[in-house]
Amino acid sequence: MERNCLRCGIPLEPIVCSTIQLGKTSWVFGDLPNLISGGLDVMIMSCPQCGRIELFQPTDEDRHLMQSKVTCPKCGKQSPLGTYRCPDCGHGFY
């Protein structure tokens, strides 16, 4: 599913499919409320033109996409999609 930037209208690029921790640490109970509240799965995408970051509820297609590879434009090696830098040459994927 292609998602477009609300500002530019160009397609967003996926960064990572991750889980955001819900809850907060309390003074009395420590991290227990944090552990009980669980997490929220999100698909984090960015606009290559304006840099805007968007969060979406991931679909099965998104989860499959994040398991695929991206080719580094500088050295041509493949890295897992969602990697911030190429492990071989250090080129940034943002």
PDB file of N, CA and C in Angstrom:
ATOM      1  N   MET A   1       0.843  -1.175   0.000  1.00  0.00           N
ATOM      2  CA  MET A   1       0.000   0.000   0.000  1.00  0.00           C
ATOM      3  C   MET A   1       0.890   1.240   0.000  1.00  0.00           C
ATOM      4  N   GLU A   2       0.727   2.088  -1.002  1.00  0.00           N
ATOM      5  CA  GLU A   2       1.546   3.292  -1.101  1.00  0.00           C
ATOM      6  C   GLU A   2       0.896   4.419  -0.307  1.00  0.00           C
ATOM      7  N   ARG A   3       1.695   5.079   0.513  1.00  0.00           N
ATOM      8  CA  ARG A   3       1.216   6.207   1.304  1.00  0.00           C
ATOM      9  C   ARG A   3       1.980   7.441   0.864  1.00  0.00           C
ATOM     10  N   ASN A   4       1.274   8.556   0.710  1.00  0.00           N
ATOM     11  CA  ASN A   4       1.891   9.788   0.236  1.00  0.00           C
ATOM     12  C   ASN A   4       2.026  10.802   1.360  1.00  0.00           C
ATOM     13  N   CYS A   5       3.018  11.668   1.242  1.00  0.00           N
ATOM     14  CA  CYS A   5       3.255  12.734   2.211  1.00  0.00           C
ATOM     15  C   CYS A   5       2.101  13.729   2.154  1.00  0.00           C
ATOM     16  N   LEU A   6       1.641  14.175   3.315  1.00  0.00           N
ATOM     17  CA  LEU A   6       0.541  15.129   3.370  1.00  0.00           C
ATOM     18  C   LEU A   6       0.964  16.508   2.874  1.00  0.00           C
ATOM     19  N   ARG A   7       2.229  16.847   2.973  1.00  0.00           N
ATOM     20  CA  ARG A   7       2.725  18.151   2.531  1.00  0.00           C
ATOM     21  C   ARG A   7       3.085  18.149   1.053  1.00  0.00           C
ATOM     22  N   CYS A   8       3.908  17.171   0.637  1.00  0.00           N
ATOM     23  CA  CYS A   8       4.476  17.157  -0.717  1.00  0.00           C
ATOM     24  C   CYS A   8       3.664  16.339  -1.715  1.00  0.00           C
ATOM     25  N   GLY A   9       2.967  15.332  -1.229  1.00  0.00           N
ATOM     26  CA  GLY A   9       2.204  14.465  -2.111  1.00  0.00           C
ATOM     27  C   GLY A   9       3.028  13.369  -2.774  1.00  0.00           C
ATOM     28  N   ILE A  10       4.326  13.258  -2.424  1.00  0.00           N
ATOM     29  CA  ILE A  10       5.151  12.209  -3.018  1.00  0.00           C
ATOM     30  C   ILE A  10       5.133  10.975  -2.106  1.00  0.00           C
ATOM     31  N   PRO A  11       5.444   9.789  -2.639  1.00  0.00           N
ATOM     32  CA  PRO A  11       5.397   8.570  -1.828  1.00  0.00           C
ATOM     33  C   PRO A  11       6.392   8.599  -0.665  1.00  0.00           C
ATOM     34  N   LEU A  12       5.925   8.117   0.489  1.00  0.00           N
ATOM     35  CA  LEU A  12       6.774   8.009   1.677  1.00  0.00           C
ATOM     36  C   LEU A  12       7.639   6.766   1.577  1.00  0.00           C
ATOM     37  N   GLU A  13       8.820   6.819   2.184  1.00  0.00           N
ATOM     38  CA  GLU A  13       9.727   5.684   2.204  1.00  0.00           C
ATOM     39  C   GLU A  13       9.693   5.038   3.585  1.00  0.00           C
ATOM     40  N   PRO A  14       9.611   3.702   3.658  1.00  0.00           N
ATOM     41  CA  PRO A  14       9.582   3.035   4.965  1.00  0.00           C
ATOM     42  C   PRO A  14      10.933   3.121   5.660  1.00  0.00           C
ATOM     43  N   ILE A  15      10.902   3.345   6.970  1.00  0.00           N
ATOM     44  CA  ILE A  15      12.130   3.355   7.768  1.00  0.00           C
ATOM     45  C   ILE A  15      12.217   2.066   8.568  1.00  0.00           C
ATOM     46  N   VAL A  16      11.209   1.804   9.388  1.00  0.00           N
ATOM     47  CA  VAL A  16      11.234   0.605  10.228  1.00  0.00           C
ATOM     48  C   VAL A  16       9.817   0.291  10.712  1.00  0.00           C
ATOM     49  N   CYS A  17       9.570  -0.969  10.947  1.00  0.00           N
ATOM     50  CA  CYS A  17       8.340  -1.425  11.589  1.00  0.00           C
ATOM     51  C   CYS A  17       8.755  -1.782  13.016  1.00  0.00           C
ATOM     52  N   SER A  18       8.209  -1.085  14.011  1.00  0.00           N
ATOM     53  CA  SER A  18       8.701  -1.222  15.371  1.00  0.00           C
ATOM     54  C   SER A  18       7.549  -1.232  16.370  1.00  0.00           C
ATOM     55  N   THR A  19       7.883  -1.469  17.618  1.00  0.00           N
ATOM     56  CA  THR A  19       6.911  -1.433  18.707  1.00  0.00           C
ATOM     57  C   THR A  19       7.260  -0.281  19.633  1.00  0.00           C
ATOM     58  N   ILE A  20       6.283   0.581  19.886  1.00  0.00           N
ATOM     59  CA  ILE A  20       6.459   1.705  20.805  1.00  0.00           C
ATOM     60  C   ILE A  20       5.911   1.270  22.157  1.00  0.00           C
ATOM     61  N   GLN A  21       6.710   1.432  23.195  1.00  0.00           N
ATOM     62  CA  GLN A  21       6.309   1.051  24.551  1.00  0.00           C
ATOM     63  C   GLN A  21       5.261   2.011  25.077  1.00  0.00           C
ATOM     64  N   LEU A  22       4.168   1.476  25.580  1.00  0.00           N
ATOM     65  CA  LEU A  22       3.121   2.292  26.186  1.00  0.00           C
ATOM     66  C   LEU A  22       3.316   2.298  27.702  1.00  0.00           C
ATOM     67  N   GLY A  23       2.666   3.208  28.370  1.00  0.00           N
ATOM     68  CA  GLY A  23       2.782   3.273  29.822  1.00  0.00           C
ATOM     69  C   GLY A  23       3.910   4.197  30.244  1.00  0.00           C
ATOM     70  N   LYS A  24       4.131   4.262  31.527  1.00  0.00           N
ATOM     71  CA  LYS A  24       5.195   5.115  32.055  1.00  0.00           C
ATOM     72  C   LYS A  24       5.732   4.511  33.343  1.00  0.00           C
ATOM     73  N   THR A  25       6.884   4.962  33.747  1.00  0.00           N
ATOM     74  CA  THR A  25       7.505   4.507  34.987  1.00  0.00           C
ATOM     75  C   THR A  25       6.907   5.305  36.145  1.00  0.00           C
ATOM     76  N   SER A  26       6.566   4.625  37.215  1.00  0.00           N
ATOM     77  CA  SER A  26       6.013   5.330  38.364  1.00  0.00           C
ATOM     78  C   SER A  26       7.007   5.302  39.527  1.00  0.00           C
ATOM     79  N   TRP A  27       6.835   6.221  40.428  1.00  0.00           N
ATOM     80  CA  TRP A  27       7.732   6.322  41.564  1.00  0.00           C
ATOM     81  C   TRP A  27       7.503   5.158  42.526  1.00  0.00           C
ATOM     82  N   VAL A  28       6.259   4.755  42.706  1.00  0.00           N
ATOM     83  CA  VAL A  28       5.925   3.716  43.668  1.00  0.00           C
ATOM     84  C   VAL A  28       6.173   2.318  43.106  1.00  0.00           C
ATOM     85  N   PHE A  29       5.711   2.072  41.893  1.00  0.00           N
ATOM     86  CA  PHE A  29       5.768   0.723  41.330  1.00  0.00           C
ATOM     87  C   PHE A  29       6.908   0.504  40.331  1.00  0.00           C
ATOM     88  N   GLY A  30       7.717   1.506  40.073  1.00  0.00           N
ATOM     89  CA  GLY A  30       8.847   1.365  39.155  1.00  0.00           C
ATOM     90  C   GLY A  30       8.390   1.124  37.721  1.00  0.00           C
ATOM     91  N   ASP A  31       8.934   0.086  37.080  1.00  0.00           N
ATOM     92  CA  ASP A  31       8.619  -0.214  35.683  1.00  0.00           C
ATOM     93  C   ASP A  31       7.417  -1.134  35.513  1.00  0.00           C
ATOM     94  N   LEU A  32       6.772  -1.569  36.571  1.00  0.00           N
ATOM     95  CA  LEU A  32       5.642  -2.481  36.473  1.00  0.00           C
ATOM     96  C   LEU A  32       4.510  -1.940  35.584  1.00  0.00           C
ATOM     97  N   PRO A  33       4.068  -0.672  35.727  1.00  0.00           N
ATOM     98  CA  PRO A  33       3.022  -0.165  34.831  1.00  0.00           C
ATOM     99  C   PRO A  33       3.462  -0.176  33.364  1.00  0.00           C
ATOM    100  N   ASN A  34       4.737   0.037  33.127  1.00  0.00           N
ATOM    101  CA  ASN A  34       5.291   0.001  31.775  1.00  0.00           C
ATOM    102  C   ASN A  34       5.181  -1.403  31.182  1.00  0.00           C
ATOM    103  N   LEU A  35       5.475  -2.410  31.978  1.00  0.00           N
ATOM    104  CA  LEU A  35       5.424  -3.794  31.505  1.00  0.00           C
ATOM    105  C   LEU A  35       3.996  -4.270  31.269  1.00  0.00           C
ATOM    106  N   ILE A  36       3.082  -3.856  32.112  1.00  0.00           N
ATOM    107  CA  ILE A  36       1.692  -4.291  32.009  1.00  0.00           C
ATOM    108  C   ILE A  36       0.986  -3.650  30.814  1.00  0.00           C
ATOM    109  N   SER A  37       1.312  -2.408  30.488  1.00  0.00           N
ATOM    110  CA  SER A  37       0.583  -1.702  29.433  1.00  0.00           C
ATOM    111  C   SER A  37       0.929  -2.185  28.030  1.00  0.00           C
ATOM    112  N   GLY A  38       2.052  -2.878  27.845  1.00  0.00           N
ATOM    113  CA  GLY A  38       2.373  -3.450  26.534  1.00  0.00           C
ATOM    114  C   GLY A  38       2.934  -2.445  25.558  1.00  0.00           C
ATOM    115  N   GLY A  39       2.772  -2.736  24.261  1.00  0.00           N
ATOM    116  CA  GLY A  39       3.331  -1.880  23.232  1.00  0.00           C
ATOM    117  C   GLY A  39       2.372  -1.705  22.068  1.00  0.00           C
ATOM    118  N   LEU A  40       2.703  -0.777  21.192  1.00  0.00           N
ATOM    119  CA  LEU A  40       1.907  -0.455  20.014  1.00  0.00           C
ATOM    120  C   LEU A  40       2.782  -0.654  18.780  1.00  0.00           C
ATOM    121  N   ASP A  41       2.359  -1.537  17.867  1.00  0.00           N
ATOM    122  CA  ASP A  41       3.102  -1.745  16.628  1.00  0.00           C
ATOM    123  C   ASP A  41       2.853  -0.574  15.689  1.00  0.00           C
ATOM    124  N   VAL A  42       3.925  -0.006  15.137  1.00  0.00           N
ATOM    125  CA  VAL A  42       3.814   1.112  14.204  1.00  0.00           C
ATOM    126  C   VAL A  42       4.758   0.906  13.024  1.00  0.00           C
ATOM    127  N   MET A  43       4.370   1.461  11.901  1.00  0.00           N
ATOM    128  CA  MET A  43       5.209   1.527  10.708  1.00  0.00           C
ATOM    129  C   MET A  43       5.660   2.972  10.610  1.00  0.00           C
ATOM    130  N   ILE A  44       6.967   3.202  10.700  1.00  0.00           N
ATOM    131  CA  ILE A  44       7.514   4.554  10.650  1.00  0.00           C
ATOM    132  C   ILE A  44       7.996   4.809   9.225  1.00  0.00           C
ATOM    133  N   MET A  45       7.476   5.890   8.614  1.00  0.00           N
ATOM    134  CA  MET A  45       7.822   6.224   7.237  1.00  0.00           C
ATOM    135  C   MET A  45       8.259   7.682   7.189  1.00  0.00           C
ATOM    136  N   SER A  46       9.117   8.019   6.209  1.00  0.00           N
ATOM    137  CA  SER A  46       9.592   9.393   6.080  1.00  0.00           C
ATOM    138  C   SER A  46       9.448   9.878   4.646  1.00  0.00           C
ATOM    139  N   CYS A  47       9.334  11.189   4.508  1.00  0.00           N
ATOM    140  CA  CYS A  47       9.267  11.828   3.196  1.00  0.00           C
ATOM    141  C   CYS A  47      10.687  12.180   2.780  1.00  0.00           C
ATOM    142  N   PRO A  48      11.146  11.708   1.610  1.00  0.00           N
ATOM    143  CA  PRO A  48      12.504  12.018   1.174  1.00  0.00           C
ATOM    144  C   PRO A  48      12.686  13.485   0.797  1.00  0.00           C
ATOM    145  N   GLN A  49      11.592  14.205   0.528  1.00  0.00           N
ATOM    146  CA  GLN A  49      11.707  15.604   0.101  1.00  0.00           C
ATOM    147  C   GLN A  49      11.703  16.577   1.280  1.00  0.00           C
ATOM    148  N   CYS A  50      10.693  16.481   2.161  1.00  0.00           N
ATOM    149  CA  CYS A  50      10.584  17.461   3.250  1.00  0.00           C
ATOM    150  C   CYS A  50      11.049  16.929   4.604  1.00  0.00           C
ATOM    151  N   GLY A  51      11.274  15.607   4.711  1.00  0.00           N
ATOM    152  CA  GLY A  51      11.775  15.035   5.959  1.00  0.00           C
ATOM    153  C   GLY A  51      10.707  14.729   6.988  1.00  0.00           C
ATOM    154  N   ARG A  52       9.439  14.908   6.648  1.00  0.00           N
ATOM    155  CA  ARG A  52       8.353  14.640   7.592  1.00  0.00           C
ATOM    156  C   ARG A  52       8.314  13.158   7.946  1.00  0.00           C
ATOM    157  N   ILE A  53       8.064  12.847   9.216  1.00  0.00           N
ATOM    158  CA  ILE A  53       7.949  11.475   9.696  1.00  0.00           C
ATOM    159  C   ILE A  53       6.476  11.187   9.978  1.00  0.00           C
ATOM    160  N   GLU A  54       5.993  10.037   9.510  1.00  0.00           N
ATOM    161  CA  GLU A  54       4.611   9.628   9.725  1.00  0.00           C
ATOM    162  C   GLU A  54       4.588   8.261  10.396  1.00  0.00           C
ATOM    163  N   LEU A  55       3.617   8.037  11.267  1.00  0.00           N
ATOM    164  CA  LEU A  55       3.406   6.746  11.914  1.00  0.00           C
ATOM    165  C   LEU A  55       2.102   6.153  11.398  1.00  0.00           C
ATOM    166  N   PHE A  56       2.128   4.872  11.044  1.00  0.00           N
ATOM    167  CA  PHE A  56       0.955   4.170  10.550  1.00  0.00           C
ATOM    168  C   PHE A  56       0.827   2.843  11.270  1.00  0.00           C
ATOM    169  N   GLN A  57      -0.390   2.330  11.341  1.00  0.00           N
ATOM    170  CA  GLN A  57      -0.605   0.985  11.857  1.00  0.00           C
ATOM    171  C   GLN A  57      -0.148   0.024  10.766  1.00  0.00           C
ATOM    172  N   PRO A  58       0.804  -0.867  11.068  1.00  0.00           N
ATOM    173  CA  PRO A  58       1.337  -1.736  10.017  1.00  0.00           C
ATOM    174  C   PRO A  58       0.347  -2.821   9.597  1.00  0.00           C
ATOM    175  N   THR A  59       0.359  -3.110   8.307  1.00  0.00           N
ATOM    176  CA  THR A  59      -0.419  -4.216   7.766  1.00  0.00           C
ATOM    177  C   THR A  59       0.519  -5.416   7.616  1.00  0.00           C
ATOM    178  N   ASP A  60      -0.020  -6.556   7.261  1.00  0.00           N
ATOM    179  CA  ASP A  60       0.825  -7.731   7.006  1.00  0.00           C
ATOM    180  C   ASP A  60       1.792  -7.460   5.866  1.00  0.00           C
ATOM    181  N   GLU A  61       1.345  -6.689   4.873  1.00  0.00           N
ATOM    182  CA  GLU A  61       2.199  -6.324   3.747  1.00  0.00           C
ATOM    183  C   GLU A  61       3.392  -5.474   4.215  1.00  0.00           C
ATOM    184  N   ASP A  62       3.135  -4.546   5.155  1.00  0.00           N
ATOM    185  CA  ASP A  62       4.209  -3.713   5.703  1.00  0.00           C
ATOM    186  C   ASP A  62       5.239  -4.565   6.444  1.00  0.00           C
ATOM    187  N   ARG A  63       4.768  -5.516   7.231  1.00  0.00           N
ATOM    188  CA  ARG A  63       5.690  -6.375   7.980  1.00  0.00           C
ATOM    189  C   ARG A  63       6.553  -7.209   7.031  1.00  0.00           C
ATOM    190  N   HIS A  64       5.945  -7.669   5.934  1.00  0.00           N
ATOM    191  CA  HIS A  64       6.697  -8.430   4.935  1.00  0.00           C
ATOM    192  C   HIS A  64       7.717  -7.536   4.242  1.00  0.00           C
ATOM    193  N   LEU A  65       7.330  -6.285   3.947  1.00  0.00           N
ATOM    194  CA  LEU A  65       8.223  -5.339   3.299  1.00  0.00           C
ATOM    195  C   LEU A  65       9.458  -5.069   4.153  1.00  0.00           C
ATOM    196  N   MET A  66       9.271  -4.971   5.472  1.00  0.00           N
ATOM    197  CA  MET A  66      10.389  -4.650   6.350  1.00  0.00           C
ATOM    198  C   MET A  66      11.378  -5.808   6.483  1.00  0.00           C
ATOM    199  N   GLN A  67      10.983  -7.013   6.051  1.00  0.00           N
ATOM    200  CA  GLN A  67      11.905  -8.142   6.075  1.00  0.00           C
ATOM    201  C   GLN A  67      12.747  -8.197   4.807  1.00  0.00           C
ATOM    202  N   SER A  68      12.446  -7.343   3.815  1.00  0.00           N
ATOM    203  CA  SER A  68      13.195  -7.356   2.575  1.00  0.00           C
ATOM    204  C   SER A  68      14.474  -6.530   2.701  1.00  0.00           C
ATOM    205  N   LYS A  69      15.208  -6.444   1.631  1.00  0.00           N
ATOM    206  CA  LYS A  69      16.524  -5.798   1.636  1.00  0.00           C
ATOM    207  C   LYS A  69      16.496  -4.509   0.819  1.00  0.00           C
ATOM    208  N   VAL A  70      17.435  -3.616   1.108  1.00  0.00           N
ATOM    209  CA  VAL A  70      17.623  -2.384   0.354  1.00  0.00           C
ATOM    210  C   VAL A  70      19.058  -2.387  -0.180  1.00  0.00           C
ATOM    211  N   THR A  71      19.233  -1.869  -1.396  1.00  0.00           N
ATOM    212  CA  THR A  71      20.555  -1.811  -2.014  1.00  0.00           C
ATOM    213  C   THR A  71      21.153  -0.432  -1.775  1.00  0.00           C
ATOM    214  N   CYS A  72      22.374  -0.398  -1.292  1.00  0.00           N
ATOM    215  CA  CYS A  72      23.076   0.858  -1.037  1.00  0.00           C
ATOM    216  C   CYS A  72      23.430   1.513  -2.380  1.00  0.00           C
ATOM    217  N   PRO A  73      23.063   2.798  -2.575  1.00  0.00           N
ATOM    218  CA  PRO A  73      23.386   3.456  -3.835  1.00  0.00           C
ATOM    219  C   PRO A  73      24.878   3.767  -3.991  1.00  0.00           C
ATOM    220  N   LYS A  74      25.618   3.748  -2.897  1.00  0.00           N
ATOM    221  CA  LYS A  74      27.033   4.088  -2.943  1.00  0.00           C
ATOM    222  C   LYS A  74      27.908   2.879  -3.270  1.00  0.00           C
ATOM    223  N   CYS A  75      27.699   1.742  -2.568  1.00  0.00           N
ATOM    224  CA  CYS A  75      28.577   0.578  -2.769  1.00  0.00           C
ATOM    225  C   CYS A  75      27.882  -0.606  -3.441  1.00  0.00           C
ATOM    226  N   GLY A  76      26.539  -0.581  -3.502  1.00  0.00           N
ATOM    227  CA  GLY A  76      25.813  -1.655  -4.171  1.00  0.00           C
ATOM    228  C   GLY A  76      25.529  -2.881  -3.318  1.00  0.00           C
ATOM    229  N   LYS A  77      25.949  -2.897  -2.055  1.00  0.00           N
ATOM    230  CA  LYS A  77      25.688  -4.041  -1.167  1.00  0.00           C
ATOM    231  C   LYS A  77      24.258  -3.963  -0.626  1.00  0.00           C
ATOM    232  N   GLN A  78      23.710  -5.125  -0.264  1.00  0.00           N
ATOM    233  CA  GLN A  78      22.353  -5.164   0.282  1.00  0.00           C
ATOM    234  C   GLN A  78      22.384  -5.215   1.801  1.00  0.00           C
ATOM    235  N   SER A  79      21.445  -4.470   2.401  1.00  0.00           N
ATOM    236  CA  SER A  79      21.285  -4.410   3.852  1.00  0.00           C
ATOM    237  C   SER A  79      19.813  -4.601   4.170  1.00  0.00           C
ATOM    238  N   PRO A  80      19.475  -5.021   5.398  1.00  0.00           N
ATOM    239  CA  PRO A  80      18.060  -5.132   5.760  1.00  0.00           C
ATOM    240  C   PRO A  80      17.382  -3.770   5.686  1.00  0.00           C
ATOM    241  N   LEU A  81      16.161  -3.735   5.139  1.00  0.00           N
ATOM    242  CA  LEU A  81      15.396  -2.504   5.075  1.00  0.00           C
ATOM    243  C   LEU A  81      15.113  -2.053   6.497  1.00  0.00           C
ATOM    244  N   GLY A  82      15.329  -0.784   6.773  1.00  0.00           N
ATOM    245  CA  GLY A  82      15.172  -0.270   8.123  1.00  0.00           C
ATOM    246  C   GLY A  82      16.523   0.020   8.761  1.00  0.00           C
ATOM    247  N   THR A  83      17.610  -0.352   8.064  1.00  0.00           N
ATOM    248  CA  THR A  83      18.957  -0.043   8.536  1.00  0.00           C
ATOM    249  C   THR A  83      19.217   1.434   8.274  1.00  0.00           C
ATOM    250  N   TYR A  84      19.801   2.134   9.229  1.00  0.00           N
ATOM    251  CA  TYR A  84      20.040   3.563   9.071  1.00  0.00           C
ATOM    252  C   TYR A  84      21.299   3.859   8.247  1.00  0.00           C
ATOM    253  N   ARG A  85      22.284   2.992   8.346  1.00  0.00           N
ATOM    254  CA  ARG A  85      23.535   3.171   7.609  1.00  0.00           C
ATOM    255  C   ARG A  85      23.963   1.855   6.990  1.00  0.00           C
ATOM    256  N   CYS A  86      24.620   1.940   5.852  1.00  0.00           N
ATOM    257  CA  CYS A  86      25.170   0.750   5.211  1.00  0.00           C
ATOM    258  C   CYS A  86      26.301   0.218   6.091  1.00  0.00           C
ATOM    259  N   PRO A  87      26.274  -1.061   6.465  1.00  0.00           N
ATOM    260  CA  PRO A  87      27.321  -1.593   7.327  1.00  0.00           C
ATOM    261  C   PRO A  87      28.678  -1.689   6.636  1.00  0.00           C
ATOM    262  N   ASP A  88      28.713  -1.641   5.298  1.00  0.00           N
ATOM    263  CA  ASP A  88      29.982  -1.752   4.571  1.00  0.00           C
ATOM    264  C   ASP A  88      30.660  -0.407   4.332  1.00  0.00           C
ATOM    265  N   CYS A  89      29.888   0.585   3.809  1.00  0.00           N
ATOM    266  CA  CYS A  89      30.523   1.852   3.461  1.00  0.00           C
ATOM    267  C   CYS A  89      30.107   3.017   4.357  1.00  0.00           C
ATOM    268  N   GLY A  90      29.054   2.833   5.177  1.00  0.00           N
ATOM    269  CA  GLY A  90      28.627   3.884   6.106  1.00  0.00           C
ATOM    270  C   GLY A  90      27.675   4.905   5.504  1.00  0.00           C
ATOM    271  N   HIS A  91      27.231   4.701   4.267  1.00  0.00           N
ATOM    272  CA  HIS A  91      26.293   5.627   3.626  1.00  0.00           C
ATOM    273  C   HIS A  91      24.981   5.669   4.409  1.00  0.00           C
ATOM    274  N   GLY A  92      24.453   6.859   4.674  1.00  0.00           N
ATOM    275  CA  GLY A  92      23.200   7.020   5.401  1.00  0.00           C
ATOM    276  C   GLY A  92      21.991   6.823   4.505  1.00  0.00           C
ATOM    277  N   PHE A  93      20.987   6.080   4.962  1.00  0.00           N
ATOM    278  CA  PHE A  93      19.775   5.829   4.182  1.00  0.00           C
ATOM    279  C   PHE A  93      18.655   6.783   4.544  1.00  0.00           C
ATOM    280  N   TYR A  94      18.962   8.033   4.825  1.00  0.00           N
ATOM    281  CA  TYR A  94      17.904   8.977   5.165  1.00  0.00           C
ATOM    282  C   TYR A  94      17.991  10.193   4.313  1.00  0.00           C
TER     283      TYR A  94
END
